[in-house]
Amino acid sequence: SIPEDNKLKLSGSYGVSGNIAERFV
């Protein structure tokens, strides 16, 4: 999501976590 013009928020749970979350970011 884009909570502010210059910010992007990424959020997840168990399905995309740990190493996968790090690679996603």
mmCIF file of all heavy atoms, coordinates in Angstrom:
data_MODEL
# 
_entry.id   MODEL 
# 
loop_
_atom_site.group_PDB 
_atom_site.id 
_atom_site.type_symbol 
_atom_site.label_atom_id 
_atom_site.label_alt_id 
_atom_site.label_comp_id 
_atom_site.label_asym_id 
_atom_site.label_entity_id 
_atom_site.label_seq_id 
_atom_site.pdbx_PDB_ins_code 
_atom_site.Cartn_x 
_atom_site.Cartn_y 
_atom_site.Cartn_z 
_atom_site.occupancy 
_atom_site.B_iso_or_equiv 
_atom_site.pdbx_formal_charge 
_atom_site.auth_seq_id 
_atom_site.auth_comp_id 
_atom_site.auth_asym_id 
_atom_site.auth_atom_id 
_atom_site.pdbx_PDB_model_num 
ATOM 1   N N   . SER A 1 1  ? 0.841  -1.200  0.000  1.00 0.00 ? 1  SER A N   1 
ATOM 2   C CA  . SER A 1 1  ? 0.000  0.000   0.000  1.00 0.00 ? 1  SER A CA  1 
ATOM 3   C C   . SER A 1 1  ? 0.873  1.245   0.000  1.00 0.00 ? 1  SER A C   1 
ATOM 4   O O   . SER A 1 1  ? 2.059  1.190   0.295  1.00 0.00 ? 1  SER A O   1 
ATOM 5   C CB  . SER A 1 1  ? -0.943 0.004   1.208  1.00 0.00 ? 1  SER A CB  1 
ATOM 6   O OG  . SER A 1 1  ? -0.208 0.039   2.409  1.00 0.00 ? 1  SER A OG  1 
ATOM 7   N N   . ILE A 1 2  ? 0.252  2.365   -0.340 1.00 0.00 ? 2  ILE A N   1 
ATOM 8   C CA  . ILE A 1 2  ? 0.936  3.669   -0.335 1.00 0.00 ? 2  ILE A CA  1 
ATOM 9   C C   . ILE A 1 2  ? 0.241  4.533   0.708  1.00 0.00 ? 2  ILE A C   1 
ATOM 10  O O   . ILE A 1 2  ? -0.717 5.240   0.399  1.00 0.00 ? 2  ILE A O   1 
ATOM 11  C CB  . ILE A 1 2  ? 0.887  4.334   -1.727 1.00 0.00 ? 2  ILE A CB  1 
ATOM 12  C CG1 . ILE A 1 2  ? 1.493  3.426   -2.804 1.00 0.00 ? 2  ILE A CG1 1 
ATOM 13  C CG2 . ILE A 1 2  ? 1.636  5.682   -1.698 1.00 0.00 ? 2  ILE A CG2 1 
ATOM 14  C CD1 . ILE A 1 2  ? 1.359  3.959   -4.225 1.00 0.00 ? 2  ILE A CD1 1 
ATOM 15  N N   . PRO A 1 3  ? 0.715  4.489   1.980  1.00 0.00 ? 3  PRO A N   1 
ATOM 16  C CA  . PRO A 1 3  ? 0.055  5.261   3.032  1.00 0.00 ? 3  PRO A CA  1 
ATOM 17  C C   . PRO A 1 3  ? 0.293  6.771   2.932  1.00 0.00 ? 3  PRO A C   1 
ATOM 18  O O   . PRO A 1 3  ? -0.507 7.565   3.416  1.00 0.00 ? 3  PRO A O   1 
ATOM 19  C CB  . PRO A 1 3  ? 0.648  4.702   4.322  1.00 0.00 ? 3  PRO A CB  1 
ATOM 20  C CG  . PRO A 1 3  ? 1.978  4.164   3.925  1.00 0.00 ? 3  PRO A CG  1 
ATOM 21  C CD  . PRO A 1 3  ? 1.819  3.693   2.503  1.00 0.00 ? 3  PRO A CD  1 
ATOM 22  N N   . GLU A 1 4  ? 1.412  7.158   2.327  1.00 0.00 ? 4  GLU A N   1 
ATOM 23  C CA  . GLU A 1 4  ? 1.758  8.567   2.096  1.00 0.00 ? 4  GLU A CA  1 
ATOM 24  C C   . GLU A 1 4  ? 2.403  8.642   0.729  1.00 0.00 ? 4  GLU A C   1 
ATOM 25  O O   . GLU A 1 4  ? 2.898  7.643   0.207  1.00 0.00 ? 4  GLU A O   1 
ATOM 26  C CB  . GLU A 1 4  ? 2.733  9.068   3.160  1.00 0.00 ? 4  GLU A CB  1 
ATOM 27  C CG  . GLU A 1 4  ? 2.169  9.073   4.567  1.00 0.00 ? 4  GLU A CG  1 
ATOM 28  C CD  . GLU A 1 4  ? 3.193  9.500   5.608  1.00 0.00 ? 4  GLU A CD  1 
ATOM 29  O OE1 . GLU A 1 4  ? 4.066  10.329  5.303  1.00 0.00 ? 4  GLU A OE1 1 
ATOM 30  O OE2 . GLU A 1 4  ? 3.123  8.980   6.737  1.00 0.00 ? 4  GLU A OE2 1 
ATOM 31  N N   . ASP A 1 5  ? 2.445  9.842   0.141  1.00 0.00 ? 5  ASP A N   1 
ATOM 32  C CA  . ASP A 1 5  ? 2.975  10.004  -1.216 1.00 0.00 ? 5  ASP A CA  1 
ATOM 33  C C   . ASP A 1 5  ? 4.357  9.398   -1.421 1.00 0.00 ? 5  ASP A C   1 
ATOM 34  O O   . ASP A 1 5  ? 4.655  8.873   -2.478 1.00 0.00 ? 5  ASP A O   1 
ATOM 35  C CB  . ASP A 1 5  ? 3.026  11.483  -1.603 1.00 0.00 ? 5  ASP A CB  1 
ATOM 36  C CG  . ASP A 1 5  ? 1.650  12.058  -1.885 1.00 0.00 ? 5  ASP A CG  1 
ATOM 37  O OD1 . ASP A 1 5  ? 0.701  11.268  -2.080 1.00 0.00 ? 5  ASP A OD1 1 
ATOM 38  O OD2 . ASP A 1 5  ? 1.535  13.287  -1.913 1.00 0.00 ? 5  ASP A OD2 1 
ATOM 39  N N   . ASN A 1 6  ? 5.217  9.495   -0.409 1.00 0.00 ? 6  ASN A N   1 
ATOM 40  C CA  . ASN A 1 6  ? 6.596  9.038   -0.582 1.00 0.00 ? 6  ASN A CA  1 
ATOM 41  C C   . ASN A 1 6  ? 6.908  7.782   0.231  1.00 0.00 ? 6  ASN A C   1 
ATOM 42  O O   . ASN A 1 6  ? 8.064  7.471   0.480  1.00 0.00 ? 6  ASN A O   1 
ATOM 43  C CB  . ASN A 1 6  ? 7.580  10.148  -0.227 1.00 0.00 ? 6  ASN A CB  1 
ATOM 44  C CG  . ASN A 1 6  ? 7.574  10.481  1.251  1.00 0.00 ? 6  ASN A CG  1 
ATOM 45  O OD1 . ASN A 1 6  ? 6.558  10.357  1.926  1.00 0.00 ? 6  ASN A OD1 1 
ATOM 46  N ND2 . ASN A 1 6  ? 8.715  10.904  1.756  1.00 0.00 ? 6  ASN A ND2 1 
ATOM 47  N N   . LYS A 1 7  ? 5.866  7.054   0.658  1.00 0.00 ? 7  LYS A N   1 
ATOM 48  C CA  . LYS A 1 7  ? 6.087  5.834   1.438  1.00 0.00 ? 7  LYS A CA  1 
ATOM 49  C C   . LYS A 1 7  ? 5.318  4.670   0.833  1.00 0.00 ? 7  LYS A C   1 
ATOM 50  O O   . LYS A 1 7  ? 4.186  4.835   0.368  1.00 0.00 ? 7  LYS A O   1 
ATOM 51  C CB  . LYS A 1 7  ? 5.643  6.009   2.888  1.00 0.00 ? 7  LYS A CB  1 
ATOM 52  C CG  . LYS A 1 7  ? 6.571  6.875   3.691  1.00 0.00 ? 7  LYS A CG  1 
ATOM 53  C CD  . LYS A 1 7  ? 6.163  6.881   5.153  1.00 0.00 ? 7  LYS A CD  1 
ATOM 54  C CE  . LYS A 1 7  ? 7.135  7.729   5.968  1.00 0.00 ? 7  LYS A CE  1 
ATOM 55  N NZ  . LYS A 1 7  ? 6.779  7.735   7.384  1.00 0.00 ? 7  LYS A NZ  1 
ATOM 56  N N   . LEU A 1 8  ? 5.943  3.515   0.871  1.00 0.00 ? 8  LEU A N   1 
ATOM 57  C CA  . LEU A 1 8  ? 5.314  2.276   0.444  1.00 0.00 ? 8  LEU A CA  1 
ATOM 58  C C   . LEU A 1 8  ? 5.343  1.331   1.628  1.00 0.00 ? 8  LEU A C   1 
ATOM 59  O O   . LEU A 1 8  ? 6.383  1.161   2.258  1.00 0.00 ? 8  LEU A O   1 
ATOM 60  C CB  . LEU A 1 8  ? 6.100  1.682   -0.730 1.00 0.00 ? 8  LEU A CB  1 
ATOM 61  C CG  . LEU A 1 8  ? 5.442  0.525   -1.463 1.00 0.00 ? 8  LEU A CG  1 
ATOM 62  C CD1 . LEU A 1 8  ? 4.236  1.035   -2.247 1.00 0.00 ? 8  LEU A CD1 1 
ATOM 63  C CD2 . LEU A 1 8  ? 6.433  -0.120  -2.420 1.00 0.00 ? 8  LEU A CD2 1 
ATOM 64  N N   . LYS A 1 9  ? 4.207  0.740   1.942  1.00 0.00 ? 9  LYS A N   1 
ATOM 65  C CA  . LYS A 1 9  ? 4.141  -0.195  3.062  1.00 0.00 ? 9  LYS A CA  1 
ATOM 66  C C   . LYS A 1 9  ? 3.981  -1.607  2.518  1.00 0.00 ? 9  LYS A C   1 
ATOM 67  O O   . LYS A 1 9  ? 3.116  -1.868  1.687  1.00 0.00 ? 9  LYS A O   1 
ATOM 68  C CB  . LYS A 1 9  ? 2.988  0.136   4.000  1.00 0.00 ? 9  LYS A CB  1 
ATOM 69  C CG  . LYS A 1 9  ? 2.961  -0.777  5.220  1.00 0.00 ? 9  LYS A CG  1 
ATOM 70  C CD  . LYS A 1 9  ? 1.908  -0.350  6.214  1.00 0.00 ? 9  LYS A CD  1 
ATOM 71  C CE  . LYS A 1 9  ? 1.979  -1.244  7.433  1.00 0.00 ? 9  LYS A CE  1 
ATOM 72  N NZ  . LYS A 1 9  ? 1.042  -0.837  8.470  1.00 0.00 ? 9  LYS A NZ  1 
ATOM 73  N N   . LEU A 1 10 ? 4.836  -2.506  2.993  1.00 0.00 ? 10 LEU A N   1 
ATOM 74  C CA  . LEU A 1 10 ? 4.771  -3.917  2.660  1.00 0.00 ? 10 LEU A CA  1 
ATOM 75  C C   . LEU A 1 10 ? 4.451  -4.657  3.943  1.00 0.00 ? 10 LEU A C   1 
ATOM 76  O O   . LEU A 1 10 ? 5.066  -4.389  4.977  1.00 0.00 ? 10 LEU A O   1 
ATOM 77  C CB  . LEU A 1 10 ? 6.118  -4.400  2.111  1.00 0.00 ? 10 LEU A CB  1 
ATOM 78  C CG  . LEU A 1 10 ? 6.757  -3.557  1.006  1.00 0.00 ? 10 LEU A CG  1 
ATOM 79  C CD1 . LEU A 1 10 ? 8.130  -4.101  0.663  1.00 0.00 ? 10 LEU A CD1 1 
ATOM 80  C CD2 . LEU A 1 10 ? 5.867  -3.520  -0.208 1.00 0.00 ? 10 LEU A CD2 1 
ATOM 81  N N   . SER A 1 11 ? 3.492  -5.569  3.895  1.00 0.00 ? 11 SER A N   1 
ATOM 82  C CA  . SER A 1 11 ? 3.170  -6.333  5.097  1.00 0.00 ? 11 SER A CA  1 
ATOM 83  C C   . SER A 1 11 ? 2.744  -7.742  4.720  1.00 0.00 ? 11 SER A C   1 
ATOM 84  O O   . SER A 1 11 ? 2.172  -7.973  3.666  1.00 0.00 ? 11 SER A O   1 
ATOM 85  C CB  . SER A 1 11 ? 2.078  -5.635  5.911  1.00 0.00 ? 11 SER A CB  1 
ATOM 86  O OG  . SER A 1 11 ? 0.908  -5.486  5.145  1.00 0.00 ? 11 SER A OG  1 
ATOM 87  N N   . GLY A 1 12 ? 3.063  -8.659  5.618  1.00 0.00 ? 12 GLY A N   1 
ATOM 88  C CA  . GLY A 1 12 ? 2.750  -10.043 5.349  1.00 0.00 ? 12 GLY A CA  1 
ATOM 89  C C   . GLY A 1 12 ? 2.570  -10.844 6.616  1.00 0.00 ? 12 GLY A C   1 
ATOM 90  O O   . GLY A 1 12 ? 2.641  -10.320 7.719  1.00 0.00 ? 12 GLY A O   1 
ATOM 91  N N   . SER A 1 13 ? 2.352  -12.119 6.427  1.00 0.00 ? 13 SER A N   1 
ATOM 92  C CA  . SER A 1 13 ? 2.166  -13.022 7.563  1.00 0.00 ? 13 SER A CA  1 
ATOM 93  C C   . SER A 1 13 ? 2.965  -14.292 7.319  1.00 0.00 ? 13 SER A C   1 
ATOM 94  O O   . SER A 1 13 ? 3.905  -14.306 6.532  1.00 0.00 ? 13 SER A O   1 
ATOM 95  C CB  . SER A 1 13 ? 0.682  -13.312 7.750  1.00 0.00 ? 13 SER A CB  1 
ATOM 96  O OG  . SER A 1 13 ? 0.167  -13.929 6.590  1.00 0.00 ? 13 SER A OG  1 
ATOM 97  N N   . TYR A 1 14 ? 2.552  -15.355 7.928  1.00 0.00 ? 14 TYR A N   1 
ATOM 98  C CA  . TYR A 1 14 ? 3.287  -16.617 7.905  1.00 0.00 ? 14 TYR A CA  1 
ATOM 99  C C   . TYR A 1 14 ? 3.635  -17.093 6.488  1.00 0.00 ? 14 TYR A C   1 
ATOM 100 O O   . TYR A 1 14 ? 4.718  -17.591 6.254  1.00 0.00 ? 14 TYR A O   1 
ATOM 101 C CB  . TYR A 1 14 ? 2.479  -17.693 8.632  1.00 0.00 ? 14 TYR A CB  1 
ATOM 102 C CG  . TYR A 1 14 ? 3.161  -19.027 8.665  1.00 0.00 ? 14 TYR A CG  1 
ATOM 103 C CD1 . TYR A 1 14 ? 4.234  -19.261 9.513  1.00 0.00 ? 14 TYR A CD1 1 
ATOM 104 C CD2 . TYR A 1 14 ? 2.751  -20.052 7.819  1.00 0.00 ? 14 TYR A CD2 1 
ATOM 105 C CE1 . TYR A 1 14 ? 4.878  -20.473 9.540  1.00 0.00 ? 14 TYR A CE1 1 
ATOM 106 C CE2 . TYR A 1 14 ? 3.376  -21.280 7.842  1.00 0.00 ? 14 TYR A CE2 1 
ATOM 107 C CZ  . TYR A 1 14 ? 4.444  -21.489 8.700  1.00 0.00 ? 14 TYR A CZ  1 
ATOM 108 O OH  . TYR A 1 14 ? 5.074  -22.690 8.715  1.00 0.00 ? 14 TYR A OH  1 
ATOM 109 N N   . GLY A 1 15 ? 2.723  -16.935 5.540  1.00 0.00 ? 15 GLY A N   1 
ATOM 110 C CA  . GLY A 1 15 ? 2.948  -17.420 4.180  1.00 0.00 ? 15 GLY A CA  1 
ATOM 111 C C   . GLY A 1 15 ? 4.153  -16.808 3.494  1.00 0.00 ? 15 GLY A C   1 
ATOM 112 O O   . GLY A 1 15 ? 4.843  -17.465 2.719  1.00 0.00 ? 15 GLY A O   1 
ATOM 113 N N   . VAL A 1 16 ? 4.405  -15.544 3.736  1.00 0.00 ? 16 VAL A N   1 
ATOM 114 C CA  . VAL A 1 16 ? 5.574  -14.851 3.186  1.00 0.00 ? 16 VAL A CA  1 
ATOM 115 C C   . VAL A 1 16 ? 6.289  -14.230 4.374  1.00 0.00 ? 16 VAL A C   1 
ATOM 116 O O   . VAL A 1 16 ? 6.002  -13.122 4.782  1.00 0.00 ? 16 VAL A O   1 
ATOM 117 C CB  . VAL A 1 16 ? 5.172  -13.766 2.164  1.00 0.00 ? 16 VAL A CB  1 
ATOM 118 C CG1 . VAL A 1 16 ? 6.396  -13.002 1.698  1.00 0.00 ? 16 VAL A CG1 1 
ATOM 119 C CG2 . VAL A 1 16 ? 4.459  -14.387 0.976  1.00 0.00 ? 16 VAL A CG2 1 
ATOM 120 N N   . SER A 1 17 ? 7.204  -14.992 4.947  1.00 0.00 ? 17 SER A N   1 
ATOM 121 C CA  . SER A 1 17 ? 7.927  -14.510 6.120  1.00 0.00 ? 17 SER A CA  1 
ATOM 122 C C   . SER A 1 17 ? 9.382  -14.945 6.025  1.00 0.00 ? 17 SER A C   1 
ATOM 123 O O   . SER A 1 17 ? 9.793  -15.602 5.075  1.00 0.00 ? 17 SER A O   1 
ATOM 124 C CB  . SER A 1 17 ? 7.276  -15.036 7.404  1.00 0.00 ? 17 SER A CB  1 
ATOM 125 O OG  . SER A 1 17 ? 7.300  -16.449 7.426  1.00 0.00 ? 17 SER A OG  1 
ATOM 126 N N   . GLY A 1 18 ? 10.158 -14.560 7.022  1.00 0.00 ? 18 GLY A N   1 
ATOM 127 C CA  . GLY A 1 18 ? 11.567 -14.948 7.075  1.00 0.00 ? 18 GLY A CA  1 
ATOM 128 C C   . GLY A 1 18 ? 12.343 -14.549 5.843  1.00 0.00 ? 18 GLY A C   1 
ATOM 129 O O   . GLY A 1 18 ? 12.275 -13.407 5.389  1.00 0.00 ? 18 GLY A O   1 
ATOM 130 N N   . ASN A 1 19 ? 13.035 -15.515 5.266  1.00 0.00 ? 19 ASN A N   1 
ATOM 131 C CA  . ASN A 1 19 ? 13.904 -15.259 4.114  1.00 0.00 ? 19 ASN A CA  1 
ATOM 132 C C   . ASN A 1 19 ? 13.118 -14.788 2.897  1.00 0.00 ? 19 ASN A C   1 
ATOM 133 O O   . ASN A 1 19 ? 13.573 -13.922 2.156  1.00 0.00 ? 19 ASN A O   1 
ATOM 134 C CB  . ASN A 1 19 ? 14.709 -16.527 3.787  1.00 0.00 ? 19 ASN A CB  1 
ATOM 135 C CG  . ASN A 1 19 ? 15.750 -16.273 2.737  1.00 0.00 ? 19 ASN A CG  1 
ATOM 136 O OD1 . ASN A 1 19 ? 15.496 -16.505 1.558  1.00 0.00 ? 19 ASN A OD1 1 
ATOM 137 N ND2 . ASN A 1 19 ? 16.901 -15.781 3.155  1.00 0.00 ? 19 ASN A ND2 1 
ATOM 138 N N   . ILE A 1 20 ? 11.923 -15.325 2.717  1.00 0.00 ? 20 ILE A N   1 
ATOM 139 C CA  . ILE A 1 20 ? 11.099 -14.891 1.576  1.00 0.00 ? 20 ILE A CA  1 
ATOM 140 C C   . ILE A 1 20 ? 10.714 -13.426 1.747  1.00 0.00 ? 20 ILE A C   1 
ATOM 141 O O   . ILE A 1 20 ? 10.758 -12.651 0.795  1.00 0.00 ? 20 ILE A O   1 
ATOM 142 C CB  . ILE A 1 20 ? 9.841  -15.773 1.424  1.00 0.00 ? 20 ILE A CB  1 
ATOM 143 C CG1 . ILE A 1 20 ? 10.243 -17.220 1.124  1.00 0.00 ? 20 ILE A CG1 1 
ATOM 144 C CG2 . ILE A 1 20 ? 8.928  -15.235 0.325  1.00 0.00 ? 20 ILE A CG2 1 
ATOM 145 C CD1 . ILE A 1 20 ? 9.093  -18.203 1.169  1.00 0.00 ? 20 ILE A CD1 1 
ATOM 146 N N   . ALA A 1 21 ? 10.344 -13.026 2.956  1.00 0.00 ? 21 ALA A N   1 
ATOM 147 C CA  . ALA A 1 21 ? 9.991  -11.627 3.215  1.00 0.00 ? 21 ALA A CA  1 
ATOM 148 C C   . ALA A 1 21 ? 11.182 -10.712 2.961  1.00 0.00 ? 21 ALA A C   1 
ATOM 149 O O   . ALA A 1 21 ? 11.036 -9.644  2.365  1.00 0.00 ? 21 ALA A O   1 
ATOM 150 C CB  . ALA A 1 21 ? 9.488  -11.463 4.648  1.00 0.00 ? 21 ALA A CB  1 
ATOM 151 N N   . GLU A 1 22 ? 12.361 -11.121 3.385  1.00 0.00 ? 22 GLU A N   1 
ATOM 152 C CA  . GLU A 1 22 ? 13.566 -10.312 3.160  1.00 0.00 ? 22 GLU A CA  1 
ATOM 153 C C   . GLU A 1 22 ? 13.823 -10.144 1.671  1.00 0.00 ? 22 GLU A C   1 
ATOM 154 O O   . GLU A 1 22 ? 14.142 -9.049  1.204  1.00 0.00 ? 22 GLU A O   1 
ATOM 155 C CB  . GLU A 1 22 ? 14.768 -10.953 3.840  1.00 0.00 ? 22 GLU A CB  1 
ATOM 156 C CG  . GLU A 1 22 ? 14.725 -10.865 5.355  1.00 0.00 ? 22 GLU A CG  1 
ATOM 157 C CD  . GLU A 1 22 ? 15.871 -11.605 6.026  1.00 0.00 ? 22 GLU A CD  1 
ATOM 158 O OE1 . GLU A 1 22 ? 16.777 -12.112 5.321  1.00 0.00 ? 22 GLU A OE1 1 
ATOM 159 O OE2 . GLU A 1 22 ? 15.853 -11.691 7.259  1.00 0.00 ? 22 GLU A OE2 1 
ATOM 160 N N   . ARG A 1 23 ? 13.680 -11.222 0.899  1.00 0.00 ? 23 ARG A N   1 
ATOM 161 C CA  . ARG A 1 23 ? 13.901 -11.147 -0.551 1.00 0.00 ? 23 ARG A CA  1 
ATOM 162 C C   . ARG A 1 23 ? 12.807 -10.307 -1.230 1.00 0.00 ? 23 ARG A C   1 
ATOM 163 O O   . ARG A 1 23 ? 13.080 -9.587  -2.189 1.00 0.00 ? 23 ARG A O   1 
ATOM 164 C CB  . ARG A 1 23 ? 13.981 -12.542 -1.160 1.00 0.00 ? 23 ARG A CB  1 
ATOM 165 C CG  . ARG A 1 23 ? 15.244 -13.289 -0.731 1.00 0.00 ? 23 ARG A CG  1 
ATOM 166 C CD  . ARG A 1 23 ? 15.558 -14.532 -1.546 1.00 0.00 ? 23 ARG A CD  1 
ATOM 167 N NE  . ARG A 1 23 ? 14.419 -15.320 -1.979 1.00 0.00 ? 23 ARG A NE  1 
ATOM 168 C CZ  . ARG A 1 23 ? 13.895 -16.344 -1.323 1.00 0.00 ? 23 ARG A CZ  1 
ATOM 169 N NH1 . ARG A 1 23 ? 14.394 -16.716 -0.159 1.00 0.00 ? 23 ARG A NH1 1 
ATOM 170 N NH2 . ARG A 1 23 ? 12.868 -17.012 -1.824 1.00 0.00 ? 23 ARG A NH2 1 
ATOM 171 N N   . PHE A 1 24 ? 11.577 -10.400 -0.719 1.00 0.00 ? 24 PHE A N   1 
ATOM 172 C CA  . PHE A 1 24 ? 10.475 -9.594  -1.248 1.00 0.00 ? 24 PHE A CA  1 
ATOM 173 C C   . PHE A 1 24 ? 10.781 -8.104  -1.079 1.00 0.00 ? 24 PHE A C   1 
ATOM 174 O O   . PHE A 1 24 ? 10.664 -7.324  -2.031 1.00 0.00 ? 24 PHE A O   1 
ATOM 175 C CB  . PHE A 1 24 ? 9.172  -9.965  -0.531 1.00 0.00 ? 24 PHE A CB  1 
ATOM 176 C CG  . PHE A 1 24 ? 7.950  -9.255  -1.054 1.00 0.00 ? 24 PHE A CG  1 
ATOM 177 C CD1 . PHE A 1 24 ? 7.250  -9.754  -2.136 1.00 0.00 ? 24 PHE A CD1 1 
ATOM 178 C CD2 . PHE A 1 24 ? 7.496  -8.090  -0.452 1.00 0.00 ? 24 PHE A CD2 1 
ATOM 179 C CE1 . PHE A 1 24 ? 6.118  -9.102  -2.620 1.00 0.00 ? 24 PHE A CE1 1 
ATOM 180 C CE2 . PHE A 1 24 ? 6.374  -7.438  -0.918 1.00 0.00 ? 24 PHE A CE2 1 
ATOM 181 C CZ  . PHE A 1 24 ? 5.681  -7.943  -2.007 1.00 0.00 ? 24 PHE A CZ  1 
ATOM 182 N N   . VAL A 1 25 ? 11.174 -7.716  0.131  1.00 0.00 ? 25 VAL A N   1 
ATOM 183 C CA  . VAL A 1 25 ? 11.517 -6.314  0.405  1.00 0.00 ? 25 VAL A CA  1 
ATOM 184 C C   . VAL A 1 25 ? 12.686 -5.873  -0.469 1.00 0.00 ? 25 VAL A C   1 
ATOM 185 O O   . VAL A 1 25 ? 12.665 -4.784  -1.052 1.00 0.00 ? 25 VAL A O   1 
ATOM 186 C CB  . VAL A 1 25 ? 11.833 -6.103  1.903  1.00 0.00 ? 25 VAL A CB  1 
ATOM 187 C CG1 . VAL A 1 25 ? 12.386 -4.710  2.163  1.00 0.00 ? 25 VAL A CG1 1 
ATOM 188 C CG2 . VAL A 1 25 ? 10.598 -6.364  2.755  1.00 0.00 ? 25 VAL A CG2 1 
# 
